[in-house]
Amino acid sequence: MIKVTLIKSPSNEVKSVKATVAALGLKKIRSTKTFEETPANMGQINKVAYLLKVEKV
């Protein structure tokens, strides 16, 4: 399991980055979600990793 926290705002990013953050279910800064380590989830997380804090749970 991976715990993902949004630490930077995607407001000044391109549309695809905003959509990826929204698809992860992160709406506000410091919002947190837990995901399983599937290839689909890891691809999304890696795409916007510079906006996130990722921890193993």
PDB file of N, CA and C in Angstrom:
ATOM      1  N   MET A   1       0.838  -1.184   0.000  1.00  0.00           N
ATOM      2  CA  MET A   1       0.000   0.000   0.000  1.00  0.00           C
ATOM      3  C   MET A   1       0.882   1.246   0.000  1.00  0.00           C
ATOM      4  N   ILE A   2       0.378   2.272  -0.650  1.00  0.00           N
ATOM      5  CA  ILE A   2       1.100   3.536  -0.753  1.00  0.00           C
ATOM      6  C   ILE A   2       0.173   4.663  -0.299  1.00  0.00           C
ATOM      7  N   LYS A   3       0.695   5.540   0.539  1.00  0.00           N
ATOM      8  CA  LYS A   3      -0.032   6.718   1.006  1.00  0.00           C
ATOM      9  C   LYS A   3       0.464   7.915   0.206  1.00  0.00           C
ATOM     10  N   VAL A   4      -0.461   8.623  -0.452  1.00  0.00           N
ATOM     11  CA  VAL A   4      -0.122   9.743  -1.330  1.00  0.00           C
ATOM     12  C   VAL A   4      -0.759  11.009  -0.773  1.00  0.00           C
ATOM     13  N   THR A   5       0.051  12.062  -0.619  1.00  0.00           N
ATOM     14  CA  THR A   5      -0.424  13.341  -0.107  1.00  0.00           C
ATOM     15  C   THR A   5      -0.098  14.440  -1.105  1.00  0.00           C
ATOM     16  N   LEU A   6      -1.074  15.266  -1.419  1.00  0.00           N
ATOM     17  CA  LEU A   6      -0.863  16.402  -2.322  1.00  0.00           C
ATOM     18  C   LEU A   6      -0.163  17.512  -1.546  1.00  0.00           C
ATOM     19  N   ILE A   7       1.038  17.939  -2.001  1.00  0.00           N
ATOM     20  CA  ILE A   7       1.778  18.970  -1.266  1.00  0.00           C
ATOM     21  C   ILE A   7       1.928  20.266  -2.060  1.00  0.00           C
ATOM     22  N   LYS A   8       1.681  20.211  -3.374  1.00  0.00           N
ATOM     23  CA  LYS A   8       1.738  21.422  -4.188  1.00  0.00           C
ATOM     24  C   LYS A   8       0.476  21.519  -5.031  1.00  0.00           C
ATOM     25  N   SER A   9       0.071  22.711  -5.327  1.00  0.00           N
ATOM     26  CA  SER A   9      -1.154  22.927  -6.091  1.00  0.00           C
ATOM     27  C   SER A   9      -0.933  22.660  -7.581  1.00  0.00           C
ATOM     28  N   PRO A  10      -1.876  21.966  -8.214  1.00  0.00           N
ATOM     29  CA  PRO A  10      -1.779  21.746  -9.659  1.00  0.00           C
ATOM     30  C   PRO A  10      -2.417  22.865 -10.485  1.00  0.00           C
ATOM     31  N   SER A  11      -2.726  23.999  -9.865  1.00  0.00           N
ATOM     32  CA  SER A  11      -3.480  25.051 -10.548  1.00  0.00           C
ATOM     33  C   SER A  11      -2.734  25.658 -11.738  1.00  0.00           C
ATOM     34  N   ASN A  12      -1.405  25.707 -11.692  1.00  0.00           N
ATOM     35  CA  ASN A  12      -0.649  26.295 -12.799  1.00  0.00           C
ATOM     36  C   ASN A  12      -0.114  25.251 -13.765  1.00  0.00           C
ATOM     37  N   GLU A  13      -0.620  24.039 -13.686  1.00  0.00           N
ATOM     38  CA  GLU A  13      -0.146  22.952 -14.538  1.00  0.00           C
ATOM     39  C   GLU A  13      -1.056  22.783 -15.753  1.00  0.00           C
ATOM     40  N   VAL A  14      -0.594  21.964 -16.700  1.00  0.00           N
ATOM     41  CA  VAL A  14      -1.391  21.692 -17.896  1.00  0.00           C
ATOM     42  C   VAL A  14      -2.599  20.836 -17.528  1.00  0.00           C
ATOM     43  N   LYS A  15      -3.553  20.783 -18.433  1.00  0.00           N
ATOM     44  CA  LYS A  15      -4.818  20.122 -18.183  1.00  0.00           C
ATOM     45  C   LYS A  15      -4.663  18.636 -17.830  1.00  0.00           C
ATOM     46  N   SER A  16      -3.723  17.955 -18.478  1.00  0.00           N
ATOM     47  CA  SER A  16      -3.568  16.520 -18.217  1.00  0.00           C
ATOM     48  C   SER A  16      -3.050  16.258 -16.808  1.00  0.00           C
ATOM     49  N   VAL A  17      -2.220  17.148 -16.275  1.00  0.00           N
ATOM     50  CA  VAL A  17      -1.719  16.992 -14.904  1.00  0.00           C
ATOM     51  C   VAL A  17      -2.853  17.225 -13.909  1.00  0.00           C
ATOM     52  N   LYS A  18      -3.669  18.237 -14.150  1.00  0.00           N
ATOM     53  CA  LYS A  18      -4.818  18.506 -13.287  1.00  0.00           C
ATOM     54  C   LYS A  18      -5.767  17.319 -13.287  1.00  0.00           C
ATOM     55  N   ALA A  19      -5.987  16.733 -14.456  1.00  0.00           N
ATOM     56  CA  ALA A  19      -6.889  15.589 -14.575  1.00  0.00           C
ATOM     57  C   ALA A  19      -6.332  14.374 -13.840  1.00  0.00           C
ATOM     58  N   THR A  20      -5.027  14.181 -13.889  1.00  0.00           N
ATOM     59  CA  THR A  20      -4.411  13.056 -13.194  1.00  0.00           C
ATOM     60  C   THR A  20      -4.547  13.212 -11.686  1.00  0.00           C
ATOM     61  N   VAL A  21      -4.326  14.406 -11.179  1.00  0.00           N
ATOM     62  CA  VAL A  21      -4.475  14.658  -9.738  1.00  0.00           C
ATOM     63  C   VAL A  21      -5.936  14.440  -9.332  1.00  0.00           C
ATOM     64  N   ALA A  22      -6.871  14.896 -10.145  1.00  0.00           N
ATOM     65  CA  ALA A  22      -8.286  14.693  -9.843  1.00  0.00           C
ATOM     66  C   ALA A  22      -8.657  13.213  -9.891  1.00  0.00           C
ATOM     67  N   ALA A  23      -8.081  12.468 -10.835  1.00  0.00           N
ATOM     68  CA  ALA A  23      -8.355  11.034 -10.942  1.00  0.00           C
ATOM     69  C   ALA A  23      -7.821  10.272  -9.729  1.00  0.00           C
ATOM     70  N   LEU A  24      -6.765  10.779  -9.127  1.00  0.00           N
ATOM     71  CA  LEU A  24      -6.246  10.169  -7.900  1.00  0.00           C
ATOM     72  C   LEU A  24      -7.124  10.505  -6.698  1.00  0.00           C
ATOM     73  N   GLY A  25      -8.058  11.434  -6.865  1.00  0.00           N
ATOM     74  CA  GLY A  25      -8.977  11.785  -5.789  1.00  0.00           C
ATOM     75  C   GLY A  25      -8.433  12.810  -4.826  1.00  0.00           C
ATOM     76  N   LEU A  26      -7.409  13.544  -5.245  1.00  0.00           N
ATOM     77  CA  LEU A  26      -6.797  14.561  -4.386  1.00  0.00           C
ATOM     78  C   LEU A  26      -7.341  15.924  -4.788  1.00  0.00           C
ATOM     79  N   LYS A  27      -8.051  16.578  -3.865  1.00  0.00           N
ATOM     80  CA  LYS A  27      -8.706  17.834  -4.196  1.00  0.00           C
ATOM     81  C   LYS A  27      -8.006  19.046  -3.607  1.00  0.00           C
ATOM     82  N   LYS A  28      -7.614  18.964  -2.347  1.00  0.00           N
ATOM     83  CA  LYS A  28      -6.991  20.098  -1.677  1.00  0.00           C
ATOM     84  C   LYS A  28      -5.578  19.738  -1.246  1.00  0.00           C
ATOM     85  N   ILE A  29      -4.761  20.754  -1.028  1.00  0.00           N
ATOM     86  CA  ILE A  29      -3.416  20.519  -0.517  1.00  0.00           C
ATOM     87  C   ILE A  29      -3.534  19.851   0.853  1.00  0.00           C
ATOM     88  N   ARG A  30      -2.651  18.893   1.116  1.00  0.00           N
ATOM     89  CA  ARG A  30      -2.623  18.051   2.309  1.00  0.00           C
ATOM     90  C   ARG A  30      -3.735  17.009   2.348  1.00  0.00           C
ATOM     91  N   SER A  31      -4.461  16.824   1.233  1.00  0.00           N
ATOM     92  CA  SER A  31      -5.409  15.708   1.188  1.00  0.00           C
ATOM     93  C   SER A  31      -4.625  14.427   0.927  1.00  0.00           C
ATOM     94  N   THR A  32      -5.067  13.332   1.520  1.00  0.00           N
ATOM     95  CA  THR A  32      -4.320  12.080   1.497  1.00  0.00           C
ATOM     96  C   THR A  32      -5.215  10.938   1.057  1.00  0.00           C
ATOM     97  N   LYS A  33      -4.655  10.029   0.268  1.00  0.00           N
ATOM     98  CA  LYS A  33      -5.347   8.814  -0.161  1.00  0.00           C
ATOM     99  C   LYS A  33      -4.368   7.656  -0.052  1.00  0.00           C
ATOM    100  N   THR A  34      -4.910   6.457   0.091  1.00  0.00           N
ATOM    101  CA  THR A  34      -4.099   5.251   0.125  1.00  0.00           C
ATOM    102  C   THR A  34      -4.443   4.394  -1.076  1.00  0.00           C
ATOM    103  N   PHE A  35      -3.417   3.895  -1.773  1.00  0.00           N
ATOM    104  CA  PHE A  35      -3.598   3.102  -2.981  1.00  0.00           C
ATOM    105  C   PHE A  35      -2.789   1.826  -2.895  1.00  0.00           C
ATOM    106  N   GLU A  36      -3.213   0.826  -3.660  1.00  0.00           N
ATOM    107  CA  GLU A  36      -2.405  -0.374  -3.822  1.00  0.00           C
ATOM    108  C   GLU A  36      -1.374  -0.098  -4.911  1.00  0.00           C
ATOM    109  N   GLU A  37      -0.295  -0.856  -4.906  1.00  0.00           N
ATOM    110  CA  GLU A  37       0.793  -0.642  -5.860  1.00  0.00           C
ATOM    111  C   GLU A  37       0.533  -1.379  -7.174  1.00  0.00           C
ATOM    112  N   THR A  38      -0.494  -0.982  -7.896  1.00  0.00           N
ATOM    113  CA  THR A  38      -0.755  -1.561  -9.212  1.00  0.00           C
ATOM    114  C   THR A  38      -0.023  -0.739 -10.262  1.00  0.00           C
ATOM    115  N   PRO A  39       0.260  -1.311 -11.426  1.00  0.00           N
ATOM    116  CA  PRO A  39       0.942  -0.536 -12.473  1.00  0.00           C
ATOM    117  C   PRO A  39       0.168   0.718 -12.899  1.00  0.00           C
ATOM    118  N   ALA A  40      -1.158   0.635 -12.927  1.00  0.00           N
ATOM    119  CA  ALA A  40      -1.958   1.798 -13.315  1.00  0.00           C
ATOM    120  C   ALA A  40      -1.812   2.928 -12.298  1.00  0.00           C
ATOM    121  N   ASN A  41      -1.926   2.595 -11.025  1.00  0.00           N
ATOM    122  CA  ASN A  41      -1.773   3.615  -9.974  1.00  0.00           C
ATOM    123  C   ASN A  41      -0.369   4.182  -9.959  1.00  0.00           C
ATOM    124  N   MET A  42       0.643   3.338 -10.095  1.00  0.00           N
ATOM    125  CA  MET A  42       2.026   3.811 -10.063  1.00  0.00           C
ATOM    126  C   MET A  42       2.321   4.728 -11.251  1.00  0.00           C
ATOM    127  N   GLY A  43       1.728   4.454 -12.403  1.00  0.00           N
ATOM    128  CA  GLY A  43       1.910   5.327 -13.563  1.00  0.00           C
ATOM    129  C   GLY A  43       1.349   6.716 -13.315  1.00  0.00           C
ATOM    130  N   GLN A  44       0.166   6.779 -12.727  1.00  0.00           N
ATOM    131  CA  GLN A  44      -0.438   8.070 -12.404  1.00  0.00           C
ATOM    132  C   GLN A  44       0.393   8.814 -11.358  1.00  0.00           C
ATOM    133  N   ILE A  45       0.829   8.101 -10.354  1.00  0.00           N
ATOM    134  CA  ILE A  45       1.622   8.730  -9.288  1.00  0.00           C
ATOM    135  C   ILE A  45       2.954   9.235  -9.833  1.00  0.00           C
ATOM    136  N   ASN A  46       3.603   8.451 -10.675  1.00  0.00           N
ATOM    137  CA  ASN A  46       4.884   8.880 -11.244  1.00  0.00           C
ATOM    138  C   ASN A  46       4.732  10.091 -12.154  1.00  0.00           C
ATOM    139  N   LYS A  47       3.604  10.217 -12.832  1.00  0.00           N
ATOM    140  CA  LYS A  47       3.386  11.353 -13.734  1.00  0.00           C
ATOM    141  C   LYS A  47       3.346  12.685 -12.972  1.00  0.00           C
ATOM    142  N   VAL A  48       2.781  12.677 -11.780  1.00  0.00           N
ATOM    143  CA  VAL A  48       2.631  13.913 -11.002  1.00  0.00           C
ATOM    144  C   VAL A  48       3.413  13.850  -9.691  1.00  0.00           C
ATOM    145  N   ALA A  49       4.502  13.084  -9.660  1.00  0.00           N
ATOM    146  CA  ALA A  49       5.269  12.858  -8.430  1.00  0.00           C
ATOM    147  C   ALA A  49       5.829  14.150  -7.839  1.00  0.00           C
ATOM    148  N   TYR A  50       6.094  15.143  -8.664  1.00  0.00           N
ATOM    149  CA  TYR A  50       6.659  16.402  -8.169  1.00  0.00           C
ATOM    150  C   TYR A  50       5.632  17.224  -7.390  1.00  0.00           C
ATOM    151  N   LEU A  51       4.360  16.844  -7.437  1.00  0.00           N
ATOM    152  CA  LEU A  51       3.323  17.519  -6.667  1.00  0.00           C
ATOM    153  C   LEU A  51       2.930  16.741  -5.413  1.00  0.00           C
ATOM    154  N   LEU A  52       3.485  15.535  -5.279  1.00  0.00           N
ATOM    155  CA  LEU A  52       3.028  14.609  -4.240  1.00  0.00           C
ATOM    156  C   LEU A  52       4.126  14.247  -3.257  1.00  0.00           C
ATOM    157  N   LYS A  53       3.690  13.773  -2.107  1.00  0.00           N
ATOM    158  CA  LYS A  53       4.562  13.107  -1.145  1.00  0.00           C
ATOM    159  C   LYS A  53       4.069  11.668  -1.082  1.00  0.00           C
ATOM    160  N   VAL A  54       4.962  10.713  -1.336  1.00  0.00           N
ATOM    161  CA  VAL A  54       4.584   9.307  -1.420  1.00  0.00           C
ATOM    162  C   VAL A  54       5.282   8.539  -0.306  1.00  0.00           C
ATOM    163  N   GLU A  55       4.510   7.757   0.450  1.00  0.00           N
ATOM    164  CA  GLU A  55       5.053   6.964   1.547  1.00  0.00           C
ATOM    165  C   GLU A  55       4.515   5.539   1.445  1.00  0.00           C
ATOM    166  N   LYS A  56       5.348   4.569   1.812  1.00  0.00           N
ATOM    167  CA  LYS A  56       4.874   3.187   1.905  1.00  0.00           C
ATOM    168  C   LYS A  56       4.192   2.994   3.250  1.00  0.00           C
ATOM    169  N   VAL A  57       3.073   2.276   3.210  1.00  0.00           N
ATOM    170  CA  VAL A  57       2.309   2.026   4.447  1.00  0.00           C
ATOM    171  C   VAL A  57       2.394   0.559   4.788  1.00  0.00           C
TER     172      VAL A  57
END
